[in-house]
C-alpha atoms as a PDB file:
ATOM      1  CA  MET A   1      -6.515 -21.605  16.509  1.00  0.00           C
ATOM      2  CA  MET A   2      -3.795 -19.234  17.691  1.00  0.00           C
ATOM      3  CA  LYS A   3      -3.704 -15.454  17.713  1.00  0.00           C
ATOM      4  CA  ALA A   4      -1.604 -13.779  15.030  1.00  0.00           C
ATOM      5  CA  THR A   5       2.081 -13.988  15.908  1.00  0.00           C
ATOM      6  CA  ARG A   6       3.675 -10.902  17.399  1.00  0.00           C
ATOM      7  CA  GLY A   7       5.391  -8.921  14.663  1.00  0.00           C
ATOM      8  CA  SER A   8       2.791  -9.726  12.005  1.00  0.00           C
ATOM      9  CA  LEU A   9       1.540  -6.797   9.934  1.00  0.00           C
ATOM     10  CA  LEU A  10      -1.914  -7.663   8.667  1.00  0.00           C
ATOM     11  CA  GLY A  11      -3.540  -4.271   8.217  1.00  0.00           C
ATOM     12  CA  ILE A  12      -3.689  -0.643   9.260  1.00  0.00           C
ATOM     13  CA  GLU A  13      -7.294  -0.482  10.487  1.00  0.00           C
ATOM     14  CA  HIS A  14      -6.575  -2.127  13.851  1.00  0.00           C
ATOM     15  CA  LEU A  15      -2.983  -0.913  14.218  1.00  0.00           C
ATOM     16  CA  GLU A  16      -2.590   1.688  16.951  1.00  0.00           C
ATOM     17  CA  ALA A  17      -1.298   5.128  15.999  1.00  0.00           C
ATOM     18  CA  GLY A  18       1.655   4.709  18.328  1.00  0.00           C
ATOM     19  CA  GLU A  19       2.727   1.505  16.576  1.00  0.00           C
ATOM     20  CA  ILE A  20       2.482   3.215  13.186  1.00  0.00           C
ATOM     21  CA  LEU A  21       4.768   6.006  14.412  1.00  0.00           C
ATOM     22  CA  LYS A  22       7.255   3.426  15.720  1.00  0.00           C
ATOM     23  CA  ILE A  23       7.496   1.847  12.268  1.00  0.00           C
ATOM     24  CA  LEU A  24       7.933   5.246  10.592  1.00  0.00           C
ATOM     25  CA  THR A  25      10.581   6.245  13.130  1.00  0.00           C
ATOM     26  CA  LEU A  26      12.440   2.979  12.618  1.00  0.00           C
ATOM     27  CA  ALA A  27      12.328   3.506   8.858  1.00  0.00           C
ATOM     28  CA  ARG A  28      14.345   6.718   9.242  1.00  0.00           C
ATOM     29  CA  ARG A  29      17.255   4.622  10.486  1.00  0.00           C
ATOM     30  CA  MET A  30      17.194   2.303   7.486  1.00  0.00           C
ATOM     31  CA  ASN A  31      19.517   2.743   4.513  1.00  0.00           C
ATOM     32  CA  PRO A  32      19.572   0.151   1.719  1.00  0.00           C
ATOM     33  CA  GLN A  33      22.783   1.723   0.414  1.00  0.00           C
ATOM     34  CA  LYS A  34      24.552   0.565   3.580  1.00  0.00           C
ATOM     35  CA  PRO A  35      23.824  -3.159   3.971  1.00  0.00           C
ATOM     36  CA  GLN A  36      23.343  -4.368   7.533  1.00  0.00           C
ATOM     37  CA  THR A  37      23.537  -7.724   9.269  1.00  0.00           C
ATOM     38  CA  LEU A  38      20.482  -7.096  11.448  1.00  0.00           C
ATOM     39  CA  LEU A  39      18.648 -10.105  10.000  1.00  0.00           C
ATOM     40  CA  ARG A  40      21.647 -12.266   9.182  1.00  0.00           C
ATOM     41  CA  GLY A  41      20.660 -15.944   9.092  1.00  0.00           C
ATOM     42  CA  LYS A  42      16.939 -15.183   8.823  1.00  0.00           C
ATOM     43  CA  LYS A  43      14.843 -16.561   5.968  1.00  0.00           C
ATOM     44  CA  VAL A  44      12.197 -14.308   4.415  1.00  0.00           C
ATOM     45  CA  LEU A  45       9.670 -16.171   2.283  1.00  0.00           C
ATOM     46  CA  LEU A  46       7.903 -14.146  -0.422  1.00  0.00           C
ATOM     47  CA  LEU A  47       4.593 -15.890  -1.175  1.00  0.00           C
ATOM     48  CA  PHE A  48       2.837 -14.164  -4.078  1.00  0.00           C
ATOM     49  CA  TYR A  49      -0.454 -15.438  -5.474  1.00  0.00           C
ATOM     50  CA  GLU A  50      -0.754 -12.257  -7.583  1.00  0.00           C
ATOM     51  CA  ALA A  51       1.579 -10.404  -9.921  1.00  0.00           C
ATOM     52  CA  SER A  52       3.721  -7.684  -8.361  1.00  0.00           C
ATOM     53  CA  THR A  53       6.704  -5.566  -9.301  1.00  0.00           C
ATOM     54  CA  ARG A  54       7.169  -2.793  -6.723  1.00  0.00           C
ATOM     55  CA  THR A  55       6.020  -4.614  -3.600  1.00  0.00           C
ATOM     56  CA  ARG A  56       7.755  -7.910  -4.307  1.00  0.00           C
ATOM     57  CA  SER A  57      11.069  -6.453  -5.435  1.00  0.00           C
ATOM     58  CA  SER A  58      11.233  -3.894  -2.631  1.00  0.00           C
ATOM     59  CA  PHE A  59      10.546  -6.518   0.046  1.00  0.00           C
ATOM     60  CA  GLU A  60      13.267  -8.680  -1.476  1.00  0.00           C
ATOM     61  CA  ILE A  61      15.776  -5.827  -1.604  1.00  0.00           C
ATOM     62  CA  ALA A  62      14.761  -4.761   1.910  1.00  0.00           C
ATOM     63  CA  ALA A  63      15.371  -8.262   3.275  1.00  0.00           C
ATOM     64  CA  LYS A  64      18.734  -8.641   1.553  1.00  0.00           C
ATOM     65  CA  SER A  65      19.800  -5.160   2.688  1.00  0.00           C
ATOM     66  CA  LEU A  66      19.314  -6.400   6.255  1.00  0.00           C
ATOM     67  CA  GLY A  67      21.322  -9.560   5.654  1.00  0.00           C
ATOM     68  CA  ALA A  68      18.410 -11.986   5.329  1.00  0.00           C
ATOM     69  CA  MET A  69      17.992 -14.728   2.760  1.00  0.00           C
ATOM     70  CA  THR A  70      14.929 -14.657   0.518  1.00  0.00           C
ATOM     71  CA  THR A  71      12.960 -17.273  -1.370  1.00  0.00           C
ATOM     72  CA  LEU A  72      10.191 -16.472  -3.829  1.00  0.00           C
ATOM     73  CA  VAL A  73       7.192 -18.785  -4.200  1.00  0.00           C
ATOM     74  CA  LEU A  74       4.638 -18.025  -6.913  1.00  0.00           C
ATOM     75  CA  SER A  75       1.265 -19.707  -7.300  1.00  0.00           C
ATOM     76  CA  SER A  76       2.269 -20.840 -10.792  1.00  0.00           C
ATOM     77  CA  GLY A  77       4.901 -23.559 -10.842  1.00  0.00           C
ATOM     78  CA  SER A  78       4.342 -24.595  -7.233  1.00  0.00           C
ATOM     79  CA  SER A  79       2.105 -27.056  -5.389  1.00  0.00           C
ATOM     80  CA  ILE A  80      -0.459 -24.255  -5.125  1.00  0.00           C
ATOM     81  CA  GLU A  81      -1.147 -24.901  -8.796  1.00  0.00           C
ATOM     82  CA  LYS A  82      -1.879 -28.528  -7.902  1.00  0.00           C
ATOM     83  CA  GLY A  83      -4.587 -27.493  -5.462  1.00  0.00           C
ATOM     84  CA  GLU A  84      -2.644 -27.301  -2.195  1.00  0.00           C
ATOM     85  CA  SER A  85      -4.603 -25.389   0.450  1.00  0.00           C
ATOM     86  CA  LEU A  86      -3.441 -22.052   1.813  1.00  0.00           C
ATOM     87  CA  LEU A  87      -2.738 -23.466   5.269  1.00  0.00           C
ATOM     88  CA  ASP A  88      -0.870 -26.479   3.925  1.00  0.00           C
ATOM     89  CA  THR A  89       1.299 -24.145   1.884  1.00  0.00           C
ATOM     90  CA  GLY A  90       1.953 -22.156   5.046  1.00  0.00           C
ATOM     91  CA  TYR A  91       2.845 -25.278   7.044  1.00  0.00           C
ATOM     92  CA  THR A  92       5.201 -26.358   4.271  1.00  0.00           C
ATOM     93  CA  LEU A  93       6.989 -23.031   4.132  1.00  0.00           C
ATOM     94  CA  ARG A  94       7.334 -22.969   7.902  1.00  0.00           C
ATOM     95  CA  GLY A  95       8.629 -26.529   7.760  1.00  0.00           C
ATOM     96  CA  VAL A  96      11.425 -25.641   5.343  1.00  0.00           C
ATOM     97  CA  GLY A  97      12.611 -22.927   7.702  1.00  0.00           C
ATOM     98  CA  ALA A  98      10.856 -19.646   6.879  1.00  0.00           C
ATOM     99  CA  ASP A  99      11.204 -17.091   9.687  1.00  0.00           C
ATOM    100  CA  VAL A 100       8.639 -14.687   8.216  1.00  0.00           C
ATOM    101  CA  ILE A 101       6.194 -14.890   5.322  1.00  0.00           C
ATOM    102  CA  VAL A 102       5.415 -11.875   3.131  1.00  0.00           C
ATOM    103  CA  MET A 103       2.175 -12.713   1.401  1.00  0.00           C
ATOM    104  CA  ARG A 104       0.004 -11.315  -1.390  1.00  0.00           C
ATOM    105  CA  HIS A 105      -3.311 -13.030  -2.080  1.00  0.00           C
ATOM    106  CA  PRO A 106      -6.405 -12.247  -4.186  1.00  0.00           C
ATOM    107  CA  HIS A 107      -8.797 -13.019  -1.311  1.00  0.00           C
ATOM    108  CA  ALA A 108      -9.409 -10.660   1.590  1.00  0.00           C
ATOM    109  CA  GLY A 109      -8.393 -12.138   4.930  1.00  0.00           C
ATOM    110  CA  ALA A 110      -6.015 -14.794   3.583  1.00  0.00           C
ATOM    111  CA  PRO A 111      -2.944 -13.420   5.450  1.00  0.00           C
ATOM    112  CA  HIS A 112      -4.989 -13.221   8.652  1.00  0.00           C
ATOM    113  CA  LEU A 113      -5.943 -16.893   8.348  1.00  0.00           C
ATOM    114  CA  MET A 114      -2.323 -17.917   7.844  1.00  0.00           C
ATOM    115  CA  ALA A 115      -1.121 -15.740  10.724  1.00  0.00           C
ATOM    116  CA  GLN A 116      -3.612 -17.378  13.069  1.00  0.00           C
ATOM    117  CA  HIS A 117      -2.213 -20.848  12.359  1.00  0.00           C
ATOM    118  CA  LEU A 118       1.527 -20.269  12.122  1.00  0.00           C
ATOM    119  CA  ASP A 119       4.023 -19.442  14.851  1.00  0.00           C
ATOM    120  CA  ILE A 120       5.968 -16.985  12.679  1.00  0.00           C
ATOM    121  CA  PRO A 121       5.069 -13.429  11.602  1.00  0.00           C
ATOM    122  CA  VAL A 122       3.011 -12.908   8.459  1.00  0.00           C
ATOM    123  CA  ILE A 123       3.175  -9.636   6.548  1.00  0.00           C
ATOM    124  CA  ASN A 124       0.232  -8.703   4.355  1.00  0.00           C
ATOM    125  CA  ALA A 125       1.521  -7.501   0.980  1.00  0.00           C
ATOM    126  CA  GLY A 126      -2.024  -6.977  -0.274  1.00  0.00           C
ATOM    127  CA  ASP A 127      -5.147  -9.111   0.219  1.00  0.00           C
ATOM    128  CA  GLY A 128      -7.923  -8.776  -2.312  1.00  0.00           C
ATOM    129  CA  MET A 129      -9.880  -5.531  -1.950  1.00  0.00           C
ATOM    130  CA  HIS A 130      -9.091  -5.369   1.750  1.00  0.00           C
ATOM    131  CA  GLU A 131      -5.758  -3.742   2.686  1.00  0.00           C
ATOM    132  CA  HIS A 132      -2.198  -3.010   1.590  1.00  0.00           C
ATOM    133  CA  PRO A 133      -0.567  -1.878   4.850  1.00  0.00           C
ATOM    134  CA  SER A 134       3.026  -1.509   3.662  1.00  0.00           C
ATOM    135  CA  GLN A 135       1.899   0.806   0.852  1.00  0.00           C
ATOM    136  CA  ALA A 136       0.060   3.039   3.313  1.00  0.00           C
ATOM    137  CA  LEU A 137       3.115   3.141   5.564  1.00  0.00           C
ATOM    138  CA  LEU A 138       5.464   4.097   2.728  1.00  0.00           C
ATOM    139  CA  ASP A 139       2.989   6.740   1.578  1.00  0.00           C
ATOM    140  CA  ALA A 140       2.860   8.113   5.113  1.00  0.00           C
ATOM    141  CA  TYR A 141       6.647   8.120   5.308  1.00  0.00           C
ATOM    142  CA  THR A 142       6.823   9.977   1.979  1.00  0.00           C
ATOM    143  CA  ILE A 143       4.337  12.606   3.155  1.00  0.00           C
ATOM    144  CA  LEU A 144       6.170  13.184   6.434  1.00  0.00           C
ATOM    145  CA  ARG A 145       9.438  13.703   4.572  1.00  0.00           C
ATOM    146  CA  ARG A 146       7.802  16.747   2.942  1.00  0.00           C
ATOM    147  CA  LYS A 147       5.184  17.819   5.482  1.00  0.00           C
ATOM    148  CA  LYS A 148       5.765  18.151   9.214  1.00  0.00           C
ATOM    149  CA  THR A 149       2.510  16.605  10.375  1.00  0.00           C
ATOM    150  CA  PHE A 150      -0.564  14.779   9.119  1.00  0.00           C
ATOM    151  CA  LYS A 151      -2.910  16.808  11.308  1.00  0.00           C
ATOM    152  CA  GLY A 152      -5.030  19.163   9.260  1.00  0.00           C
ATOM    153  CA  LEU A 153      -3.591  18.079   5.906  1.00  0.00           C
ATOM    154  CA  GLN A 154      -6.086  18.123   3.047  1.00  0.00           C
ATOM    155  CA  ILE A 155      -5.788  14.772   1.248  1.00  0.00           C
ATOM    156  CA  ALA A 156      -7.546  14.132  -2.065  1.00  0.00           C
ATOM    157  CA  ILE A 157      -7.871  10.522  -3.248  1.00  0.00           C
ATOM    158  CA  VAL A 158      -9.112  10.238  -6.830  1.00  0.00           C
ATOM    159  CA  GLY A 159     -10.042   7.168  -8.835  1.00  0.00           C
ATOM    160  CA  ASP A 160     -11.302   3.636  -8.222  1.00  0.00           C
ATOM    161  CA  ILE A 161     -11.857   3.776  -4.474  1.00  0.00           C
ATOM    162  CA  TYR A 162     -14.165   0.746  -4.430  1.00  0.00           C
ATOM    163  CA  HIS A 163     -11.596  -1.815  -5.589  1.00  0.00           C
ATOM    164  CA  SER A 164      -8.538  -0.185  -4.000  1.00  0.00           C
ATOM    165  CA  ARG A 165      -6.860  -1.813  -1.004  1.00  0.00           C
ATOM    166  CA  VAL A 166      -4.347   1.045  -1.173  1.00  0.00           C
ATOM    167  CA  ALA A 167      -7.126   3.579  -0.639  1.00  0.00           C
ATOM    168  CA  ARG A 168      -8.515   1.645   2.334  1.00  0.00           C
ATOM    169  CA  SER A 169      -5.187   1.397   4.118  1.00  0.00           C
ATOM    170  CA  ASN A 170      -4.351   5.043   3.457  1.00  0.00           C
ATOM    171  CA  ILE A 171      -7.754   6.158   4.694  1.00  0.00           C
ATOM    172  CA  HIS A 172      -7.358   4.154   7.905  1.00  0.00           C
ATOM    173  CA  LEU A 173      -3.839   5.480   8.501  1.00  0.00           C
ATOM    174  CA  LEU A 174      -4.278   9.145   7.657  1.00  0.00           C
ATOM    175  CA  SER A 175      -7.575   9.482   9.509  1.00  0.00           C
ATOM    176  CA  LYS A 176      -5.897   8.259  12.725  1.00  0.00           C
ATOM    177  CA  PHE A 177      -3.691  11.358  12.646  1.00  0.00           C
ATOM    178  CA  GLY A 178      -6.252  14.046  11.905  1.00  0.00           C
ATOM    179  CA  ALA A 179      -5.893  14.407   8.136  1.00  0.00           C
ATOM    180  CA  LYS A 180      -8.944  15.647   6.236  1.00  0.00           C
ATOM    181  CA  ILE A 181      -9.696  13.240   3.394  1.00  0.00           C
ATOM    182  CA  THR A 182     -11.810  13.878   0.299  1.00  0.00           C
ATOM    183  CA  LEU A 183     -12.654  11.029  -2.075  1.00  0.00           C
ATOM    184  CA  ALA A 184     -13.562  11.563  -5.724  1.00  0.00           C
ATOM    185  CA  GLY A 185     -14.765   9.143  -8.360  1.00  0.00           C
ATOM    186  CA  PRO A 186     -17.815   8.003 -10.322  1.00  0.00           C
ATOM    187  CA  PRO A 187     -20.590   6.364  -8.254  1.00  0.00           C
ATOM    188  CA  GLU A 188     -19.766   2.875  -9.570  1.00  0.00           C
ATOM    189  CA  LEU A 189     -16.184   3.192  -8.287  1.00  0.00           C
ATOM    190  CA  LEU A 190     -17.006   5.237  -5.211  1.00  0.00           C
ATOM    191  CA  PRO A 191     -20.238   4.184  -3.488  1.00  0.00           C
ATOM    192  CA  GLU A 192     -21.633   6.379  -0.733  1.00  0.00           C
ATOM    193  CA  THR A 193     -20.875   3.577   1.752  1.00  0.00           C
ATOM    194  CA  ALA A 194     -17.186   4.462   1.393  1.00  0.00           C
ATOM    195  CA  ALA A 195     -17.850   7.314   3.805  1.00  0.00           C
ATOM    196  CA  THR A 196     -18.133   4.738   6.611  1.00  0.00           C
ATOM    197  CA  LEU A 197     -14.473   3.678   6.273  1.00  0.00           C
ATOM    198  CA  ALA A 198     -13.374   6.409   8.677  1.00  0.00           C
ATOM    199  CA  PRO A 199     -14.943   9.391  10.448  1.00  0.00           C
ATOM    200  CA  GLY A 200     -15.025  12.692   8.582  1.00  0.00           C
ATOM    201  CA  LEU A 201     -14.601  11.378   5.047  1.00  0.00           C
ATOM    202  CA  HIS A 202     -15.994  13.669   2.361  1.00  0.00           C
ATOM    203  CA  ILE A 203     -17.228  12.296  -0.985  1.00  0.00           C
ATOM    204  CA  VAL A 204     -17.404  14.454  -4.118  1.00  0.00           C
ATOM    205  CA  ARG A 205     -18.090  13.629  -7.750  1.00  0.00           C
ATOM    206  CA  THR A 206     -15.584  15.807  -9.576  1.00  0.00           C
ATOM    207  CA  ALA A 207     -11.813  15.840  -9.543  1.00  0.00           C
ATOM    208  CA  GLU A 208     -11.834  19.628  -9.297  1.00  0.00           C
ATOM    209  CA  GLU A 209     -13.752  19.591  -6.015  1.00  0.00           C
ATOM    210  CA  ALA A 210     -11.391  17.029  -4.514  1.00  0.00           C
ATOM    211  CA  VAL A 211      -8.143  18.608  -5.625  1.00  0.00           C
ATOM    212  CA  ARG A 212      -8.947  22.249  -4.839  1.00  0.00           C
ATOM    213  CA  GLY A 213      -6.763  23.367  -1.910  1.00  0.00           C
ATOM    214  CA  ALA A 214      -5.297  19.883  -1.359  1.00  0.00           C
ATOM    215  CA  ASP A 215      -1.907  19.323   0.274  1.00  0.00           C
ATOM    216  CA  VAL A 216      -1.667  15.811  -1.173  1.00  0.00           C
ATOM    217  CA  VAL A 217      -3.293  14.393  -4.311  1.00  0.00           C
ATOM    218  CA  MET A 218      -3.354  10.587  -4.402  1.00  0.00           C
ATOM    219  CA  VAL A 219      -4.272   9.091  -7.761  1.00  0.00           C
ATOM    220  CA  LEU A 220      -5.396   5.477  -7.949  1.00  0.00           C
ATOM    221  CA  ARG A 221      -4.970   2.975 -10.752  1.00  0.00           C
ATOM    222  CA  VAL A 222      -8.022   2.412 -12.924  1.00  0.00           C
ATOM    223  CA  GLN A 223      -8.403  -0.832 -14.835  1.00  0.00           C
ATOM    224  CA  LYS A 224     -10.004  -0.266 -18.228  1.00  0.00           C
ATOM    225  CA  GLU A 225     -11.888  -3.551 -18.046  1.00  0.00           C
ATOM    226  CA  ARG A 226     -13.696  -2.409 -14.895  1.00  0.00           C
ATOM    227  CA  LEU A 227     -15.205   0.516 -16.785  1.00  0.00           C
ATOM    228  CA  ALA A 228     -16.780  -1.865 -19.302  1.00  0.00           C
ATOM    229  CA  GLY A 229     -20.518  -2.007 -18.761  1.00  0.00           C
ATOM    230  CA  MET A 230     -20.570   1.010 -16.456  1.00  0.00           C
ATOM    231  CA  LYS A 231     -22.510   4.189 -17.141  1.00  0.00           C
ATOM    232  CA  ILE A 232     -19.237   6.094 -17.389  1.00  0.00           C
ATOM    233  CA  SER A 233     -17.128   5.389 -20.458  1.00  0.00           C
ATOM    234  CA  LEU A 234     -13.345   5.415 -20.608  1.00  0.00           C
ATOM    235  CA  GLN A 235     -13.451   8.743 -22.440  1.00  0.00           C
ATOM    236  CA  ASP A 236     -15.829  10.218 -19.842  1.00  0.00           C
ATOM    237  CA  TYR A 237     -13.600   9.026 -17.019  1.00  0.00           C
ATOM    238  CA  ILE A 238     -10.572  10.701 -18.598  1.00  0.00           C
ATOM    239  CA  ALA A 239     -12.536  13.905 -19.172  1.00  0.00           C
ATOM    240  CA  ARG A 240     -13.876  14.078 -15.603  1.00  0.00           C
ATOM    241  CA  TYR A 241     -11.240  12.452 -13.378  1.00  0.00           C
ATOM    242  CA  GLN A 242      -7.866  12.384 -15.101  1.00  0.00           C
ATOM    243  CA  ILE A 243      -5.359  14.495 -13.167  1.00  0.00           C
ATOM    244  CA  THR A 244      -3.980  17.073 -15.570  1.00  0.00           C
ATOM    245  CA  LEU A 245      -1.610  19.960 -14.899  1.00  0.00           C
ATOM    246  CA  GLN A 246      -4.594  22.291 -15.013  1.00  0.00           C
ATOM    247  CA  ARG A 247      -6.400  20.310 -12.324  1.00  0.00           C
ATOM    248  CA  LEU A 248      -3.258  19.900 -10.236  1.00  0.00           C
ATOM    249  CA  LYS A 249      -2.898  23.687 -10.192  1.00  0.00           C
ATOM    250  CA  LEU A 250      -6.116  23.807  -8.145  1.00  0.00           C
ATOM    251  CA  ALA A 251      -4.212  22.165  -5.284  1.00  0.00           C
ATOM    252  CA  LYS A 252      -1.755  24.080  -3.120  1.00  0.00           C
ATOM    253  CA  LYS A 253       1.469  25.167  -4.801  1.00  0.00           C
ATOM    254  CA  ASP A 254       3.494  22.729  -2.705  1.00  0.00           C
ATOM    255  CA  ALA A 255       1.003  19.868  -3.039  1.00  0.00           C
ATOM    256  CA  LEU A 256       2.388  16.351  -3.422  1.00  0.00           C
ATOM    257  CA  LEU A 257       1.245  14.153  -6.316  1.00  0.00           C
ATOM    258  CA  MET A 258       1.224  10.462  -5.388  1.00  0.00           C
ATOM    259  CA  HIS A 259       0.324   7.167  -7.066  1.00  0.00           C
ATOM    260  CA  PRO A 260       0.912   3.594  -5.794  1.00  0.00           C
ATOM    261  CA  GLY A 261       1.662   2.266  -9.289  1.00  0.00           C
ATOM    262  CA  PRO A 262       1.567   0.881 -11.783  1.00  0.00           C
ATOM    263  CA  ILE A 263       0.648   4.185 -13.409  1.00  0.00           C
ATOM    264  CA  ILE A 264      -1.219   4.278 -16.698  1.00  0.00           C
ATOM    265  CA  ARG A 265      -0.106   7.475 -18.395  1.00  0.00           C
ATOM    266  CA  GLY A 266      -2.923   9.029 -20.366  1.00  0.00           C
ATOM    267  CA  LEU A 267      -5.642   7.448 -18.231  1.00  0.00           C
ATOM    268  CA  GLU A 268      -5.446   8.309 -14.527  1.00  0.00           C
ATOM    269  CA  LEU A 269      -2.967  11.137 -15.107  1.00  0.00           C
ATOM    270  CA  THR A 270      -1.196  12.801 -17.975  1.00  0.00           C
ATOM    271  CA  TRP A 271       2.427  12.260 -18.920  1.00  0.00           C
ATOM    272  CA  GLU A 272       3.239  15.799 -17.751  1.00  0.00           C
ATOM    273  CA  VAL A 273       1.724  15.248 -14.317  1.00  0.00           C
ATOM    274  CA  ALA A 274       3.547  11.955 -13.806  1.00  0.00           C
ATOM    275  CA  ASP A 275       6.881  13.694 -14.338  1.00  0.00           C
ATOM    276  CA  CYS A 276       6.125  17.088 -12.813  1.00  0.00           C
ATOM    277  CA  PRO A 277       8.215  18.518  -9.926  1.00  0.00           C
ATOM    278  CA  GLN A 278       5.420  17.757  -7.465  1.00  0.00           C
ATOM    279  CA  SER A 279       5.347  14.068  -8.400  1.00  0.00           C
ATOM    280  CA  MET A 280       6.412  11.751  -5.583  1.00  0.00           C
ATOM    281  CA  ILE A 281       5.871   8.561  -7.598  1.00  0.00           C
ATOM    282  CA  VAL A 282       9.544   7.568  -7.893  1.00  0.00           C
ATOM    283  CA  GLU A 283      10.236   8.705  -4.338  1.00  0.00           C
ATOM    284  CA  GLU A 284       7.412   6.433  -3.117  1.00  0.00           C
ATOM    285  CA  VAL A 285       9.167   3.496  -4.765  1.00  0.00           C
ATOM    286  CA  ARG A 286      12.498   4.374  -3.122  1.00  0.00           C
ATOM    287  CA  ASN A 287      10.852   4.837   0.245  1.00  0.00           C
ATOM    288  CA  GLY A 288       9.152   1.471  -0.155  1.00  0.00           C
ATOM    289  CA  VAL A 289      12.471  -0.289   0.396  1.00  0.00           C
ATOM    290  CA  ILE A 290      13.249   1.766   3.504  1.00  0.00           C
ATOM    291  CA  VAL A 291       9.839   1.247   5.080  1.00  0.00           C
ATOM    292  CA  ARG A 292       9.796  -2.473   4.275  1.00  0.00           C
ATOM    293  CA  MET A 293      13.200  -2.816   5.909  1.00  0.00           C
ATOM    294  CA  ALA A 294      11.589  -1.406   9.043  1.00  0.00           C
ATOM    295  CA  ILE A 295       8.597  -3.739   8.721  1.00  0.00           C
ATOM    296  CA  LEU A 296      10.859  -6.799   8.456  1.00  0.00           C
ATOM    297  CA  ALA A 297      13.039  -5.645  11.368  1.00  0.00           C
ATOM    298  CA  ARG A 298       9.914  -5.184  13.488  1.00  0.00           C
ATOM    299  CA  ALA A 299       8.531  -8.575  12.448  1.00  0.00           C
ATOM    300  CA  LEU A 300      11.687 -10.368  13.577  1.00  0.00           C
ATOM    301  CA  GLY A 301      12.113  -8.490  16.832  1.00  0.00           C
ATOM    302  CA  LYS A 302      14.964  -6.251  15.667  1.00  0.00           C
ATOM    303  CA  ALA A 303      13.137  -2.954  16.009  1.00  0.00           C
ATOM    304  CA  LYS A 304      15.036  -1.567  18.976  1.00  0.00           C
END
């Protein structure tokens, strides 16, 4: 078994702060409106075992903006559907000429396994309930475009923390730079063990406590089916945790409102909040292309 290939991006937890800053700095030089030839002749393989809109399309646009060719492989309609193993799929894609694999998988650790056996970089586009590193990087980039530093920022993360790979990656990233993070959600979606994800995490049980005085309010997607059978009903969740304009006013006047998408208006946040001046939701999507351009350039040794 080999070590993960240099240039792979498998998670934020074990990524050094200096390397994170390099990616964010590189992203500032990227512009999808001005196509480049940095990755001309390179083949970027998009391997998605789960549905995706933002991540998949932005990686594809990012690759093409750098001059690379892209190929999309979905679990349906491919040999994966016939029972082909993860590693055999990886060997096949490497064999047809992939230079980098961008991979989303429902099981935690799947990209790590592939990266250990292939001699090309693997980029984790989300693995189960584990991590979503490119989302955390684009969120960080978005915050730094509006705030000068992470250090001392009050970050509120509200919603389904337990199932969220976005929350995990953001917690790992922001805590490395001295941000103060408060998590809010019902006990079933935010167990006390979440406090062990990073030093200094603070858990509260009301949205008001989390949002009060926050510089950044991150709202997470909540799947209705996950509330079925829990002590908290859908109506109770909306009453206690939905981010409304009234609750957002408890944050600082220049607080940023963020959400990784897809947003469910009327559940996690109101229509007014989604479209308010403080909302960074569309900007996050735009920045996703820029940051993923930087991730691909780094993966293929073009980060200088």
